[in-house]
Amino acid sequence: MLDRFFAGLVHPLIHYGHGAEFGVPGMAVEGLAWTAVHQPNAESLLPPEFFAPPTTDTTISRLAQTLWISSPPSNTSVHSFTILARLLKDSRFAPGVVVDADGDDKLVDTLKNQGNLLYDYAKQWDCDISTPDKLSSRIEELSWLAALTYGVGGWNTSRGFLADFFLMHLVTSSLFIPSIIAQLDKTSQSALLRAYAAVTFAVWVSRGRPSFQIKAFYENVSTTPLPPLDAPKPSAECLDKDHVTQNPWLALLQSTVSHPDEHLVKTERALAHYASLYGDRPKGHWGGTELEGAEELDGSLFVRVAGLSLKRLGAVREGEERGHWDRVGFFE
């Protein structure tokens, strides 16, 4: 059932999460119904051993195993960004090897061809949630992981930004993790978070394993993206004539709520929420991983990605033509 919860491009989780966040029982029921009718397709990513309780032979661990009151501990402590870096270097996940660029269901192909190996990578993730602070830290890490794979993974210096329709769903679905987590016991919390990380890696690989030009991204993508509006003309009494737009989110969200594509609305909402929570993270906050350039990441990531998304989909409120989500993947 956990496999089915992530099926259909994470839509069962999205609908259940919407019900959990806003207290709409009917929407939660819809999410559970979607879960029940989807076929499991990630058995290799979530094998039986994924659910195995701790096996260390101590009195405490045997009691925990009997009651299953604690999450299965990891014998490693690997950051999700480090796992991305290692997957980028593994030729077995090269786009032409793991997935057919012309295939109809690239995620199914990926799981069929290398699901077991992906599981070996995903199970290395450090998912210690033994304290409330560590649980919050793991949730934050997954939020950044979603924004990174969609936003920075979608951008490079040669082609600009592709708003990948599939990676975008990682951003919109990750927003609901805290609302679902609040309803679960510790064991189920661990299972949900570890499964979400594994599915994130799988979706990213299935889209062509786009690399991350983080340093160039921060050098080229604006922290003050604005829809095409007439510049304000401040009067003499204006306190700061050189910075009349203090918060780009105001204009971004005002434009977004008038856009006909609900996926853009959900994406910008998630990014704005993450900016409110993590926007003050300084450069260097994600240093110490194996992912090249991760030390450059700071809290401005979310507004940069939000600006790219609106530009790609078109600021229709301000007169731009409606754009589109990209579905071609990153297979060049």
C-alpha atoms as a PDB file:
ATOM      1  CA  MET A   1       0.000   0.000   0.000  1.00  0.00           C
ATOM      2  CA  LEU A   2       2.921   2.354   0.575  1.00  0.00           C
ATOM      3  CA  ASP A   3       4.019   1.592  -2.997  1.00  0.00           C
ATOM      4  CA  ARG A   4       0.517   2.427  -4.264  1.00  0.00           C
ATOM      5  CA  PHE A   5       0.502   5.636  -2.170  1.00  0.00           C
ATOM      6  CA  PHE A   6       3.352   6.921  -4.376  1.00  0.00           C
ATOM      7  CA  ALA A   7       1.970   5.590  -7.664  1.00  0.00           C
ATOM      8  CA  GLY A   8       0.424   7.744 -10.375  1.00  0.00           C
ATOM      9  CA  LEU A   9       3.100  10.420 -10.027  1.00  0.00           C
ATOM     10  CA  VAL A  10       2.481  10.732  -6.280  1.00  0.00           C
ATOM     11  CA  HIS A  11      -1.143  11.823  -6.746  1.00  0.00           C
ATOM     12  CA  PRO A  12      -2.616   9.570  -4.033  1.00  0.00           C
ATOM     13  CA  LEU A  13      -0.235  11.201  -1.542  1.00  0.00           C
ATOM     14  CA  ILE A  14      -1.025  14.667  -2.916  1.00  0.00           C
ATOM     15  CA  HIS A  15      -4.782  14.254  -2.560  1.00  0.00           C
ATOM     16  CA  TYR A  16      -4.565  12.653   0.868  1.00  0.00           C
ATOM     17  CA  GLY A  17      -2.101  15.332   1.962  1.00  0.00           C
ATOM     18  CA  HIS A  18      -4.442  18.097   0.810  1.00  0.00           C
ATOM     19  CA  GLY A  19      -7.172  16.577   2.958  1.00  0.00           C
ATOM     20  CA  ALA A  20      -4.812  16.270   5.913  1.00  0.00           C
ATOM     21  CA  GLU A  21      -3.559  19.855   5.643  1.00  0.00           C
ATOM     22  CA  PHE A  22      -6.930  21.551   5.231  1.00  0.00           C
ATOM     23  CA  GLY A  23      -9.088  19.141   7.229  1.00  0.00           C
ATOM     24  CA  VAL A  24     -11.155  17.963   4.252  1.00  0.00           C
ATOM     25  CA  PRO A  25     -12.135  14.340   4.960  1.00  0.00           C
ATOM     26  CA  GLY A  26     -13.563  13.802   1.473  1.00  0.00           C
ATOM     27  CA  MET A  27     -10.252  14.705  -0.133  1.00  0.00           C
ATOM     28  CA  ALA A  28      -8.387  12.384   2.220  1.00  0.00           C
ATOM     29  CA  VAL A  29     -10.809   9.576   1.318  1.00  0.00           C
ATOM     30  CA  GLU A  30     -10.188  10.315  -2.357  1.00  0.00           C
ATOM     31  CA  GLY A  31      -6.451   9.976  -1.796  1.00  0.00           C
ATOM     32  CA  LEU A  32      -6.918   6.636  -0.052  1.00  0.00           C
ATOM     33  CA  ALA A  33      -9.235   5.455  -2.831  1.00  0.00           C
ATOM     34  CA  TRP A  34      -6.607   6.379  -5.425  1.00  0.00           C
ATOM     35  CA  THR A  35      -4.090   4.449  -3.358  1.00  0.00           C
ATOM     36  CA  ALA A  36      -6.291   1.353  -3.389  1.00  0.00           C
ATOM     37  CA  VAL A  37      -6.901   1.320  -7.147  1.00  0.00           C
ATOM     38  CA  HIS A  38      -3.353   2.029  -8.318  1.00  0.00           C
ATOM     39  CA  GLN A  39      -1.100  -0.862  -9.248  1.00  0.00           C
ATOM     40  CA  PRO A  40       2.157  -1.228  -7.301  1.00  0.00           C
ATOM     41  CA  ASN A  41       5.121  -0.621  -9.589  1.00  0.00           C
ATOM     42  CA  ALA A  42       7.975   0.011  -7.176  1.00  0.00           C
ATOM     43  CA  GLU A  43       8.414  -3.402  -5.571  1.00  0.00           C
ATOM     44  CA  SER A  44      12.138  -3.252  -6.346  1.00  0.00           C
ATOM     45  CA  LEU A  45      12.417   0.157  -4.679  1.00  0.00           C
ATOM     46  CA  LEU A  46      10.364  -0.841  -1.622  1.00  0.00           C
ATOM     47  CA  PRO A  47      11.206  -4.537  -1.152  1.00  0.00           C
ATOM     48  CA  PRO A  48      10.181  -6.547   1.950  1.00  0.00           C
ATOM     49  CA  GLU A  49      13.477  -5.706   3.689  1.00  0.00           C
ATOM     50  CA  PHE A  50      12.520  -2.010   3.472  1.00  0.00           C
ATOM     51  CA  PHE A  51       9.998  -2.727   6.239  1.00  0.00           C
ATOM     52  CA  ALA A  52      12.263  -4.941   8.344  1.00  0.00           C
ATOM     53  CA  PRO A  53      12.578  -3.910  12.011  1.00  0.00           C
ATOM     54  CA  PRO A  54      15.987  -3.511  13.695  1.00  0.00           C
ATOM     55  CA  THR A  55      18.055  -6.695  13.947  1.00  0.00           C
ATOM     56  CA  THR A  56      20.847  -5.772  16.400  1.00  0.00           C
ATOM     57  CA  ASP A  57      20.888  -8.446  19.088  1.00  0.00           C
ATOM     58  CA  THR A  58      20.487  -6.506  22.298  1.00  0.00           C
ATOM     59  CA  THR A  59      17.790  -6.596  24.949  1.00  0.00           C
ATOM     60  CA  ILE A  60      16.597  -3.106  24.031  1.00  0.00           C
ATOM     61  CA  SER A  61      16.600  -3.798  20.300  1.00  0.00           C
ATOM     62  CA  ARG A  62      14.756  -7.098  20.786  1.00  0.00           C
ATOM     63  CA  LEU A  63      12.091  -5.261  22.759  1.00  0.00           C
ATOM     64  CA  ALA A  64      11.902  -2.592  20.049  1.00  0.00           C
ATOM     65  CA  GLN A  65      11.716  -5.305  17.404  1.00  0.00           C
ATOM     66  CA  THR A  66       8.863  -7.003  19.260  1.00  0.00           C
ATOM     67  CA  LEU A  67       6.894  -3.792  19.694  1.00  0.00           C
ATOM     68  CA  TRP A  68       8.317  -2.112  16.568  1.00  0.00           C
ATOM     69  CA  ILE A  69       8.337   1.210  18.379  1.00  0.00           C
ATOM     70  CA  SER A  70      11.369   2.703  16.691  1.00  0.00           C
ATOM     71  CA  SER A  71      12.323   3.352  13.101  1.00  0.00           C
ATOM     72  CA  PRO A  72      14.774   0.969  11.402  1.00  0.00           C
ATOM     73  CA  PRO A  73      18.186   2.543  12.013  1.00  0.00           C
ATOM     74  CA  SER A  74      20.597   3.143   9.169  1.00  0.00           C
ATOM     75  CA  ASN A  75      24.093   1.744   9.472  1.00  0.00           C
ATOM     76  CA  THR A  76      25.273   4.693   7.427  1.00  0.00           C
ATOM     77  CA  SER A  77      24.881   8.441   7.611  1.00  0.00           C
ATOM     78  CA  VAL A  78      24.700   9.630   4.019  1.00  0.00           C
ATOM     79  CA  HIS A  79      23.150  12.928   3.011  1.00  0.00           C
ATOM     80  CA  SER A  80      20.648  12.890   0.156  1.00  0.00           C
ATOM     81  CA  PHE A  81      22.811  15.363  -1.814  1.00  0.00           C
ATOM     82  CA  THR A  82      25.723  12.943  -1.535  1.00  0.00           C
ATOM     83  CA  ILE A  83      23.517  10.173  -2.921  1.00  0.00           C
ATOM     84  CA  LEU A  84      22.683  12.430  -5.885  1.00  0.00           C
ATOM     85  CA  ALA A  85      26.394  12.992  -6.479  1.00  0.00           C
ATOM     86  CA  ARG A  86      27.118   9.274  -6.395  1.00  0.00           C
ATOM     87  CA  LEU A  87      24.229   8.488  -8.739  1.00  0.00           C
ATOM     88  CA  LEU A  88      25.568  11.085 -11.178  1.00  0.00           C
ATOM     89  CA  LYS A  89      28.901   9.251 -11.283  1.00  0.00           C
ATOM     90  CA  ASP A  90      27.425   5.762 -11.665  1.00  0.00           C
ATOM     91  CA  SER A  91      27.371   4.821 -15.361  1.00  0.00           C
ATOM     92  CA  ARG A  92      24.656   2.255 -14.682  1.00  0.00           C
ATOM     93  CA  PHE A  93      22.233   5.172 -14.319  1.00  0.00           C
ATOM     94  CA  ALA A  94      23.216   6.940 -17.526  1.00  0.00           C
ATOM     95  CA  PRO A  95      20.053   7.965 -19.434  1.00  0.00           C
ATOM     96  CA  GLY A  96      20.709   5.687 -22.397  1.00  0.00           C
ATOM     97  CA  VAL A  97      21.305   2.716 -20.111  1.00  0.00           C
ATOM     98  CA  VAL A  98      18.633   2.850 -17.447  1.00  0.00           C
ATOM     99  CA  VAL A  99      15.738   4.262 -19.472  1.00  0.00           C
ATOM    100  CA  ASP A 100      14.581   4.467 -23.071  1.00  0.00           C
ATOM    101  CA  ALA A 101      14.258   8.157 -23.919  1.00  0.00           C
ATOM    102  CA  ASP A 102      11.416   7.307 -26.326  1.00  0.00           C
ATOM    103  CA  GLY A 103       9.610   4.975 -23.925  1.00  0.00           C
ATOM    104  CA  ASP A 104       6.083   5.663 -22.707  1.00  0.00           C
ATOM    105  CA  ASP A 105       6.684   5.200 -18.966  1.00  0.00           C
ATOM    106  CA  LYS A 106      10.230   6.112 -18.081  1.00  0.00           C
ATOM    107  CA  LEU A 107       9.770   5.633 -14.341  1.00  0.00           C
ATOM    108  CA  VAL A 108       8.518   2.067 -14.817  1.00  0.00           C
ATOM    109  CA  ASP A 109      11.481   1.374 -17.111  1.00  0.00           C
ATOM    110  CA  THR A 110      13.888   2.803 -14.543  1.00  0.00           C
ATOM    111  CA  LEU A 111      12.489   0.683 -11.724  1.00  0.00           C
ATOM    112  CA  LYS A 112      12.448  -2.409 -13.898  1.00  0.00           C
ATOM    113  CA  ASN A 113      16.036  -1.966 -15.069  1.00  0.00           C
ATOM    114  CA  GLN A 114      17.755  -0.657 -11.940  1.00  0.00           C
ATOM    115  CA  GLY A 115      15.203  -0.562  -9.127  1.00  0.00           C
ATOM    116  CA  ASN A 116      17.204  -2.908  -6.912  1.00  0.00           C
ATOM    117  CA  LEU A 117      20.338  -0.842  -7.343  1.00  0.00           C
ATOM    118  CA  LEU A 118      18.421   2.362  -6.659  1.00  0.00           C
ATOM    119  CA  TYR A 119      17.193   0.809  -3.443  1.00  0.00           C
ATOM    120  CA  ASP A 120      20.786   0.058  -2.455  1.00  0.00           C
ATOM    121  CA  TYR A 121      21.552   3.753  -2.841  1.00  0.00           C
ATOM    122  CA  ALA A 122      18.370   5.045  -1.226  1.00  0.00           C
ATOM    123  CA  LYS A 123      18.709   2.908   1.896  1.00  0.00           C
ATOM    124  CA  GLN A 124      21.975   4.695   2.678  1.00  0.00           C
ATOM    125  CA  TRP A 125      20.095   7.919   3.415  1.00  0.00           C
ATOM    126  CA  ASP A 126      20.397   9.137   6.985  1.00  0.00           C
ATOM    127  CA  CYS A 127      16.813   9.086   8.267  1.00  0.00           C
ATOM    128  CA  ASP A 128      17.394   9.489  11.984  1.00  0.00           C
ATOM    129  CA  ILE A 129      14.139  10.898  13.404  1.00  0.00           C
ATOM    130  CA  SER A 130      14.790   9.963  17.023  1.00  0.00           C
ATOM    131  CA  THR A 131      14.094  13.520  18.233  1.00  0.00           C
ATOM    132  CA  PRO A 132      11.662  16.227  17.073  1.00  0.00           C
ATOM    133  CA  ASP A 133      14.587  18.353  15.828  1.00  0.00           C
ATOM    134  CA  LYS A 134      15.959  15.485  13.760  1.00  0.00           C
ATOM    135  CA  LEU A 135      12.512  14.823  12.304  1.00  0.00           C
ATOM    136  CA  SER A 136      12.213  18.483  11.292  1.00  0.00           C
ATOM    137  CA  SER A 137      15.686  18.338   9.784  1.00  0.00           C
ATOM    138  CA  ARG A 138      14.800  15.309   7.642  1.00  0.00           C
ATOM    139  CA  ILE A 139      11.613  17.003   6.408  1.00  0.00           C
ATOM    140  CA  GLU A 140      13.593  20.127   5.533  1.00  0.00           C
ATOM    141  CA  GLU A 141      16.174  18.061   3.663  1.00  0.00           C
ATOM    142  CA  LEU A 142      13.474  16.477   1.495  1.00  0.00           C
ATOM    143  CA  SER A 143      12.008  19.928   0.763  1.00  0.00           C
ATOM    144  CA  TRP A 144      15.375  21.158  -0.506  1.00  0.00           C
ATOM    145  CA  LEU A 145      15.920  17.906  -2.406  1.00  0.00           C
ATOM    146  CA  ALA A 146      12.662  18.428  -4.307  1.00  0.00           C
ATOM    147  CA  ALA A 147      13.427  22.073  -5.124  1.00  0.00           C
ATOM    148  CA  LEU A 148      16.977  21.205  -6.151  1.00  0.00           C
ATOM    149  CA  THR A 149      16.090  18.373  -8.521  1.00  0.00           C
ATOM    150  CA  TYR A 150      13.292  20.365 -10.164  1.00  0.00           C
ATOM    151  CA  GLY A 151      14.774  23.862 -10.148  1.00  0.00           C
ATOM    152  CA  VAL A 152      18.544  23.538 -10.441  1.00  0.00           C
ATOM    153  CA  GLY A 153      18.271  20.231 -12.271  1.00  0.00           C
ATOM    154  CA  GLY A 154      15.987  21.891 -14.793  1.00  0.00           C
ATOM    155  CA  TRP A 155      18.403  24.729 -15.547  1.00  0.00           C
ATOM    156  CA  ASN A 156      21.739  24.990 -17.273  1.00  0.00           C
ATOM    157  CA  THR A 157      23.744  27.675 -19.014  1.00  0.00           C
ATOM    158  CA  SER A 158      23.185  26.387 -22.554  1.00  0.00           C
ATOM    159  CA  ARG A 159      19.419  25.863 -22.730  1.00  0.00           C
ATOM    160  CA  GLY A 160      18.063  27.866 -19.805  1.00  0.00           C
ATOM    161  CA  PHE A 161      15.203  26.379 -17.795  1.00  0.00           C
ATOM    162  CA  LEU A 162      12.967  23.420 -18.548  1.00  0.00           C
ATOM    163  CA  ALA A 163      10.032  23.151 -16.145  1.00  0.00           C
ATOM    164  CA  ASP A 164       9.862  19.370 -16.044  1.00  0.00           C
ATOM    165  CA  PHE A 165       6.296  18.230 -15.409  1.00  0.00           C
ATOM    166  CA  PHE A 166       7.380  15.127 -13.507  1.00  0.00           C
ATOM    167  CA  LEU A 167      10.049  16.694 -11.289  1.00  0.00           C
ATOM    168  CA  MET A 168       7.596  19.494 -10.524  1.00  0.00           C
ATOM    169  CA  HIS A 169       5.365  16.971  -8.767  1.00  0.00           C
ATOM    170  CA  LEU A 170       8.129  16.354  -6.243  1.00  0.00           C
ATOM    171  CA  VAL A 171       7.859  19.997  -5.207  1.00  0.00           C
ATOM    172  CA  THR A 172       4.066  20.036  -4.958  1.00  0.00           C
ATOM    173  CA  SER A 173       3.845  16.708  -3.113  1.00  0.00           C
ATOM    174  CA  SER A 174       6.658  17.396  -0.644  1.00  0.00           C
ATOM    175  CA  LEU A 175       4.597  20.261   0.776  1.00  0.00           C
ATOM    176  CA  PHE A 176       2.161  17.766   2.300  1.00  0.00           C
ATOM    177  CA  ILE A 177       4.711  15.636   4.130  1.00  0.00           C
ATOM    178  CA  PRO A 178       4.430  17.507   7.476  1.00  0.00           C
ATOM    179  CA  SER A 179       0.619  17.245   7.481  1.00  0.00           C
ATOM    180  CA  ILE A 180       0.774  13.492   6.860  1.00  0.00           C
ATOM    181  CA  ILE A 181       3.663  12.939   9.271  1.00  0.00           C
ATOM    182  CA  ALA A 182       1.608  14.504  12.065  1.00  0.00           C
ATOM    183  CA  GLN A 183      -0.889  11.638  11.790  1.00  0.00           C
ATOM    184  CA  LEU A 184       1.642   8.786  11.918  1.00  0.00           C
ATOM    185  CA  ASP A 185       3.511   6.858  14.574  1.00  0.00           C
ATOM    186  CA  LYS A 186       7.306   6.863  14.577  1.00  0.00           C
ATOM    187  CA  THR A 187       7.675   3.703  12.486  1.00  0.00           C
ATOM    188  CA  SER A 188       5.307   4.931   9.794  1.00  0.00           C
ATOM    189  CA  GLN A 189       6.967   8.350   9.797  1.00  0.00           C
ATOM    190  CA  SER A 190      10.278   6.699   9.016  1.00  0.00           C
ATOM    191  CA  ALA A 191       8.745   4.547   6.278  1.00  0.00           C
ATOM    192  CA  LEU A 192       7.088   7.542   4.613  1.00  0.00           C
ATOM    193  CA  LEU A 193      10.240   9.680   4.652  1.00  0.00           C
ATOM    194  CA  ARG A 194      12.519   6.900   3.427  1.00  0.00           C
ATOM    195  CA  ALA A 195      10.064   5.986   0.678  1.00  0.00           C
ATOM    196  CA  TYR A 196       9.773   9.623  -0.368  1.00  0.00           C
ATOM    197  CA  ALA A 197      13.540   9.943  -0.672  1.00  0.00           C
ATOM    198  CA  ALA A 198      13.742   6.734  -2.702  1.00  0.00           C
ATOM    199  CA  VAL A 199      10.954   7.830  -5.045  1.00  0.00           C
ATOM    200  CA  THR A 200      12.632  11.225  -5.489  1.00  0.00           C
ATOM    201  CA  PHE A 201      15.859   9.570  -6.612  1.00  0.00           C
ATOM    202  CA  ALA A 202      13.930   7.267  -8.957  1.00  0.00           C
ATOM    203  CA  VAL A 203      11.906  10.056 -10.587  1.00  0.00           C
ATOM    204  CA  TRP A 204      15.034  12.177 -11.066  1.00  0.00           C
ATOM    205  CA  VAL A 205      16.916   9.269 -12.671  1.00  0.00           C
ATOM    206  CA  SER A 206      13.929   8.472 -14.880  1.00  0.00           C
ATOM    207  CA  ARG A 207      13.920  12.018 -16.256  1.00  0.00           C
ATOM    208  CA  GLY A 208      17.486  11.665 -17.500  1.00  0.00           C
ATOM    209  CA  ARG A 209      19.453  12.294 -14.318  1.00  0.00           C
ATOM    210  CA  PRO A 210      19.986  16.045 -14.973  1.00  0.00           C
ATOM    211  CA  SER A 211      23.151  17.438 -13.392  1.00  0.00           C
ATOM    212  CA  PHE A 212      23.371  20.483 -11.137  1.00  0.00           C
ATOM    213  CA  GLN A 213      25.267  23.606 -12.212  1.00  0.00           C
ATOM    214  CA  ILE A 214      24.740  25.153  -8.802  1.00  0.00           C
ATOM    215  CA  LYS A 215      27.425  27.840  -8.922  1.00  0.00           C
ATOM    216  CA  ALA A 216      26.352  29.002 -12.396  1.00  0.00           C
ATOM    217  CA  PHE A 217      22.702  28.877 -11.311  1.00  0.00           C
ATOM    218  CA  TYR A 218      23.395  31.293  -8.470  1.00  0.00           C
ATOM    219  CA  GLU A 219      25.434  33.554 -10.726  1.00  0.00           C
ATOM    220  CA  ASN A 220      22.769  33.801 -13.423  1.00  0.00           C
ATOM    221  CA  VAL A 221      19.292  33.334 -11.922  1.00  0.00           C
ATOM    222  CA  SER A 222      17.763  36.390 -10.283  1.00  0.00           C
ATOM    223  CA  THR A 223      16.780  36.691  -6.634  1.00  0.00           C
ATOM    224  CA  THR A 224      14.258  39.387  -7.570  1.00  0.00           C
ATOM    225  CA  PRO A 225      12.221  37.877 -10.414  1.00  0.00           C
ATOM    226  CA  LEU A 226       9.253  40.018 -11.349  1.00  0.00           C
ATOM    227  CA  PRO A 227       6.472  39.713 -13.904  1.00  0.00           C
ATOM    228  CA  PRO A 228       6.647  42.317 -16.715  1.00  0.00           C
ATOM    229  CA  LEU A 229       5.062  45.277 -14.939  1.00  0.00           C
ATOM    230  CA  ASP A 230       5.447  48.983 -15.476  1.00  0.00           C
ATOM    231  CA  ALA A 231       8.092  50.313 -13.130  1.00  0.00           C
ATOM    232  CA  PRO A 232       6.659  52.328 -10.230  1.00  0.00           C
ATOM    233  CA  LYS A 233       7.398  56.024 -10.097  1.00  0.00           C
ATOM    234  CA  PRO A 234       8.151  56.857  -6.461  1.00  0.00           C
ATOM    235  CA  SER A 235       7.452  60.325  -5.139  1.00  0.00           C
ATOM    236  CA  ALA A 236       9.943  62.412  -3.219  1.00  0.00           C
ATOM    237  CA  GLU A 237       8.589  61.025   0.060  1.00  0.00           C
ATOM    238  CA  CYS A 238       9.514  57.411  -0.794  1.00  0.00           C
ATOM    239  CA  LEU A 239      12.005  56.123   1.762  1.00  0.00           C
ATOM    240  CA  ASP A 240      14.031  53.968  -0.629  1.00  0.00           C
ATOM    241  CA  LYS A 241      13.681  54.990  -4.268  1.00  0.00           C
ATOM    242  CA  ASP A 242      16.328  52.487  -5.391  1.00  0.00           C
ATOM    243  CA  HIS A 243      14.490  49.486  -3.955  1.00  0.00           C
ATOM    244  CA  VAL A 244      10.782  50.129  -4.485  1.00  0.00           C
ATOM    245  CA  THR A 245      10.061  46.399  -4.829  1.00  0.00           C
ATOM    246  CA  GLN A 246      11.117  45.023  -1.483  1.00  0.00           C
ATOM    247  CA  ASN A 247       9.573  41.572  -1.779  1.00  0.00           C
ATOM    248  CA  PRO A 248       9.361  39.812  -5.165  1.00  0.00           C
ATOM    249  CA  TRP A 249       6.997  37.203  -3.736  1.00  0.00           C
ATOM    250  CA  LEU A 250       4.139  39.727  -3.669  1.00  0.00           C
ATOM    251  CA  ALA A 251       4.222  40.209  -7.435  1.00  0.00           C
ATOM    252  CA  LEU A 252       4.992  36.554  -8.163  1.00  0.00           C
ATOM    253  CA  LEU A 253       2.047  35.253  -6.185  1.00  0.00           C
ATOM    254  CA  GLN A 254      -0.319  37.942  -7.421  1.00  0.00           C
ATOM    255  CA  SER A 255       0.475  36.880 -10.968  1.00  0.00           C
ATOM    256  CA  THR A 256       0.317  33.172 -10.140  1.00  0.00           C
ATOM    257  CA  VAL A 257      -3.183  33.135  -8.635  1.00  0.00           C
ATOM    258  CA  SER A 258      -4.541  34.411 -11.964  1.00  0.00           C
ATOM    259  CA  HIS A 259      -2.843  31.687 -13.992  1.00  0.00           C
ATOM    260  CA  PRO A 260      -5.098  28.997 -15.512  1.00  0.00           C
ATOM    261  CA  ASP A 261      -2.643  26.153 -14.815  1.00  0.00           C
ATOM    262  CA  GLU A 262      -3.297  24.780 -11.334  1.00  0.00           C
ATOM    263  CA  HIS A 263       0.066  23.024 -11.282  1.00  0.00           C
ATOM    264  CA  LEU A 264       1.835  26.374 -11.389  1.00  0.00           C
ATOM    265  CA  VAL A 265      -0.303  27.635  -8.506  1.00  0.00           C
ATOM    266  CA  LYS A 266       0.623  24.578  -6.432  1.00  0.00           C
ATOM    267  CA  THR A 267       4.295  24.854  -7.332  1.00  0.00           C
ATOM    268  CA  GLU A 268       4.587  28.517  -6.408  1.00  0.00           C
ATOM    269  CA  ARG A 269       2.655  27.947  -3.204  1.00  0.00           C
ATOM    270  CA  ALA A 270       5.071  25.222  -2.148  1.00  0.00           C
ATOM    271  CA  LEU A 271       8.132  27.302  -3.025  1.00  0.00           C
ATOM    272  CA  ALA A 272       6.748  30.343  -1.188  1.00  0.00           C
ATOM    273  CA  HIS A 273       6.102  28.208   1.882  1.00  0.00           C
ATOM    274  CA  TYR A 274       9.641  26.842   1.814  1.00  0.00           C
ATOM    275  CA  ALA A 275      10.991  30.376   1.437  1.00  0.00           C
ATOM    276  CA  SER A 276       9.078  31.416   4.564  1.00  0.00           C
ATOM    277  CA  LEU A 277      10.555  28.485   6.507  1.00  0.00           C
ATOM    278  CA  TYR A 278      14.067  28.242   5.099  1.00  0.00           C
ATOM    279  CA  GLY A 279      14.661  31.518   3.278  1.00  0.00           C
ATOM    280  CA  ASP A 280      17.166  32.671   5.895  1.00  0.00           C
ATOM    281  CA  ARG A 281      19.508  29.715   5.416  1.00  0.00           C
ATOM    282  CA  PRO A 282      22.957  31.182   4.621  1.00  0.00           C
ATOM    283  CA  LYS A 283      25.418  30.087   1.995  1.00  0.00           C
ATOM    284  CA  GLY A 284      27.316  27.108   3.337  1.00  0.00           C
ATOM    285  CA  HIS A 285      24.294  25.654   5.135  1.00  0.00           C
ATOM    286  CA  TRP A 286      24.483  22.576   2.891  1.00  0.00           C
ATOM    287  CA  GLY A 287      28.258  22.315   2.820  1.00  0.00           C
ATOM    288  CA  GLY A 288      30.018  19.064   3.585  1.00  0.00           C
ATOM    289  CA  THR A 289      28.242  16.833   1.077  1.00  0.00           C
ATOM    290  CA  GLU A 290      29.751  15.274  -2.045  1.00  0.00           C
ATOM    291  CA  LEU A 291      27.493  17.247  -4.395  1.00  0.00           C
ATOM    292  CA  GLU A 292      29.620  19.805  -6.233  1.00  0.00           C
ATOM    293  CA  GLY A 293      28.493  23.353  -5.527  1.00  0.00           C
ATOM    294  CA  ALA A 294      26.104  22.454  -2.679  1.00  0.00           C
ATOM    295  CA  GLU A 295      27.968  24.895  -0.429  1.00  0.00           C
ATOM    296  CA  GLU A 296      26.639  27.696  -2.684  1.00  0.00           C
ATOM    297  CA  LEU A 297      23.018  26.929  -1.828  1.00  0.00           C
ATOM    298  CA  ASP A 298      21.179  29.413   0.349  1.00  0.00           C
ATOM    299  CA  GLY A 299      17.589  30.331   1.120  1.00  0.00           C
ATOM    300  CA  SER A 300      17.189  32.325  -2.080  1.00  0.00           C
ATOM    301  CA  LEU A 301      16.877  29.026  -3.981  1.00  0.00           C
ATOM    302  CA  PHE A 302      13.101  29.044  -3.690  1.00  0.00           C
ATOM    303  CA  VAL A 303      12.409  32.510  -5.084  1.00  0.00           C
ATOM    304  CA  ARG A 304      14.865  31.897  -7.926  1.00  0.00           C
ATOM    305  CA  VAL A 305      13.053  28.686  -8.893  1.00  0.00           C
ATOM    306  CA  ALA A 306       9.663  30.379  -8.512  1.00  0.00           C
ATOM    307  CA  GLY A 307      10.722  33.117 -10.930  1.00  0.00           C
ATOM    308  CA  LEU A 308      11.922  30.582 -13.487  1.00  0.00           C
ATOM    309  CA  SER A 309       8.668  28.647 -13.198  1.00  0.00           C
ATOM    310  CA  LEU A 310       6.441  31.672 -13.765  1.00  0.00           C
ATOM    311  CA  LYS A 311       8.541  32.801 -16.712  1.00  0.00           C
ATOM    312  CA  ARG A 312       8.332  29.344 -18.311  1.00  0.00           C
ATOM    313  CA  LEU A 313       4.555  29.076 -17.809  1.00  0.00           C
ATOM    314  CA  GLY A 314       3.984  32.719 -18.790  1.00  0.00           C
ATOM    315  CA  ALA A 315       2.816  35.673 -16.708  1.00  0.00           C
ATOM    316  CA  VAL A 316      -0.596  35.757 -18.374  1.00  0.00           C
ATOM    317  CA  ARG A 317      -1.951  38.349 -15.928  1.00  0.00           C
ATOM    318  CA  GLU A 318       0.646  40.781 -17.241  1.00  0.00           C
ATOM    319  CA  GLY A 319      -0.006  39.973 -20.889  1.00  0.00           C
ATOM    320  CA  GLU A 320       2.483  37.188 -21.645  1.00  0.00           C
ATOM    321  CA  GLU A 321       1.449  34.152 -23.654  1.00  0.00           C
ATOM    322  CA  ARG A 322       0.711  31.017 -21.690  1.00  0.00           C
ATOM    323  CA  GLY A 323       3.660  28.663 -21.582  1.00  0.00           C
ATOM    324  CA  HIS A 324       3.823  24.949 -20.916  1.00  0.00           C
ATOM    325  CA  TRP A 325       5.369  22.271 -18.757  1.00  0.00           C
ATOM    326  CA  ASP A 326       8.221  20.352 -20.323  1.00  0.00           C
ATOM    327  CA  ARG A 327       7.878  16.603 -20.759  1.00  0.00           C
ATOM    328  CA  VAL A 328      10.873  15.740 -22.951  1.00  0.00           C
ATOM    329  CA  GLY A 329      13.218  14.994 -20.059  1.00  0.00           C
ATOM    330  CA  PHE A 330      16.985  15.493 -20.002  1.00  0.00           C
ATOM    331  CA  PHE A 331      18.372  12.869 -22.319  1.00  0.00           C
ATOM    332  CA  GLU A 332      20.821  14.761 -24.488  1.00  0.00           C
END
